[in-house]
Amino acid sequence: MAEIINLNRARKARAKAEAKRDAQNNRVIHGRTRAEKDGARCQRDNDRRRLDGAKLEENGAPDEKS
């Protein structure tokens, strides 16, 4: 004789497993913590400031004679 199953439980279990799989995929895609995002933003800002400080001016430099 076949085992009797509750269709509502089976449907809910399937939906829960699907939600768990979707959550895992989202963690892989968007899985950086706030601290990691803030650290990367801070590093990017520091790099940008350092690069801007090292730029040479194109026109109006005091050494050039026009």
Protein backbone atom coordinates (compact mmCIF):
# COMPACT_ATOMS: atom_id res chain seq x y z
CA MET A 1 0.00 0.00 0.00
CA ALA A 2 1.24 3.51 -0.83
CA GLU A 3 2.18 5.99 1.84
CA ILE A 4 -0.36 8.74 2.40
CA ILE A 5 1.11 12.24 2.25
CA ASN A 6 -0.36 15.60 3.10
CA LEU A 7 -0.31 17.63 -0.12
CA ASN A 8 -0.28 20.95 1.76
CA ARG A 9 2.83 19.92 3.68
CA ALA A 10 4.50 18.74 0.49
CA ARG A 11 3.68 22.00 -1.28
CA LYS A 12 4.94 24.09 1.64
CA ALA A 13 8.11 22.02 1.96
CA ARG A 14 8.79 22.44 -1.76
CA ALA A 15 8.22 26.22 -1.52
CA LYS A 16 10.51 26.42 1.52
CA ALA A 17 13.27 24.52 -0.28
CA GLU A 18 12.92 26.81 -3.30
CA ALA A 19 13.08 29.93 -1.10
CA LYS A 20 16.17 28.54 0.61
CA ARG A 21 17.83 27.94 -2.77
CA ASP A 22 16.95 31.47 -3.94
CA ALA A 23 18.34 32.94 -0.71
CA GLN A 24 21.60 31.05 -1.22
CA ASN A 25 21.88 32.41 -4.77
CA ASN A 26 21.24 35.95 -3.53
CA ARG A 27 23.90 35.56 -0.83
CA VAL A 28 26.40 34.57 -3.51
CA ILE A 29 25.45 37.51 -5.73
CA HIS A 30 25.10 40.20 -3.05
CA GLY A 31 27.14 38.56 -0.33
CA ARG A 32 29.37 41.36 0.92
CA THR A 33 28.88 42.63 4.45
CA ARG A 34 28.38 46.31 5.21
CA ALA A 35 31.89 46.45 6.67
CA GLU A 36 33.36 45.06 3.43
CA LYS A 37 31.37 47.54 1.34
CA ASP A 38 32.39 50.47 3.58
CA GLY A 39 36.03 49.38 3.52
CA ALA A 40 36.04 49.13 -0.27
CA ARG A 41 34.37 52.55 -0.57
CA CYS A 42 36.90 54.10 1.82
CA GLN A 43 39.82 52.55 -0.09
CA ARG A 44 38.38 53.76 -3.41
CA ASP A 45 37.99 57.30 -2.02
CA ASN A 46 41.56 57.29 -0.67
CA ASP A 47 42.91 56.07 -4.00
CA ARG A 48 40.96 58.75 -5.86
CA ARG A 49 42.26 61.51 -3.56
CA ARG A 50 45.84 60.24 -3.87
CA LEU A 51 45.55 60.12 -7.67
CA ASP A 52 44.02 63.60 -7.87
CA GLY A 53 46.81 64.95 -5.66
CA ALA A 54 49.47 63.56 -7.98
CA LYS A 55 48.04 65.03 -11.18
CA LEU A 56 50.04 67.60 -13.08
CA GLU A 57 48.24 70.70 -14.24
CA GLU A 58 47.93 71.03 -18.00
CA ASN A 59 47.78 74.81 -18.35
CA GLY A 60 48.87 77.56 -16.03
CA ALA A 61 51.70 75.70 -14.36
CA PRO A 62 54.19 78.17 -12.82
CA ASP A 63 57.23 76.52 -14.45
CA GLU A 64 56.02 76.88 -18.02
CA LYS A 65 56.69 79.94 -20.14
CA SER A 66 54.13 80.52 -22.84
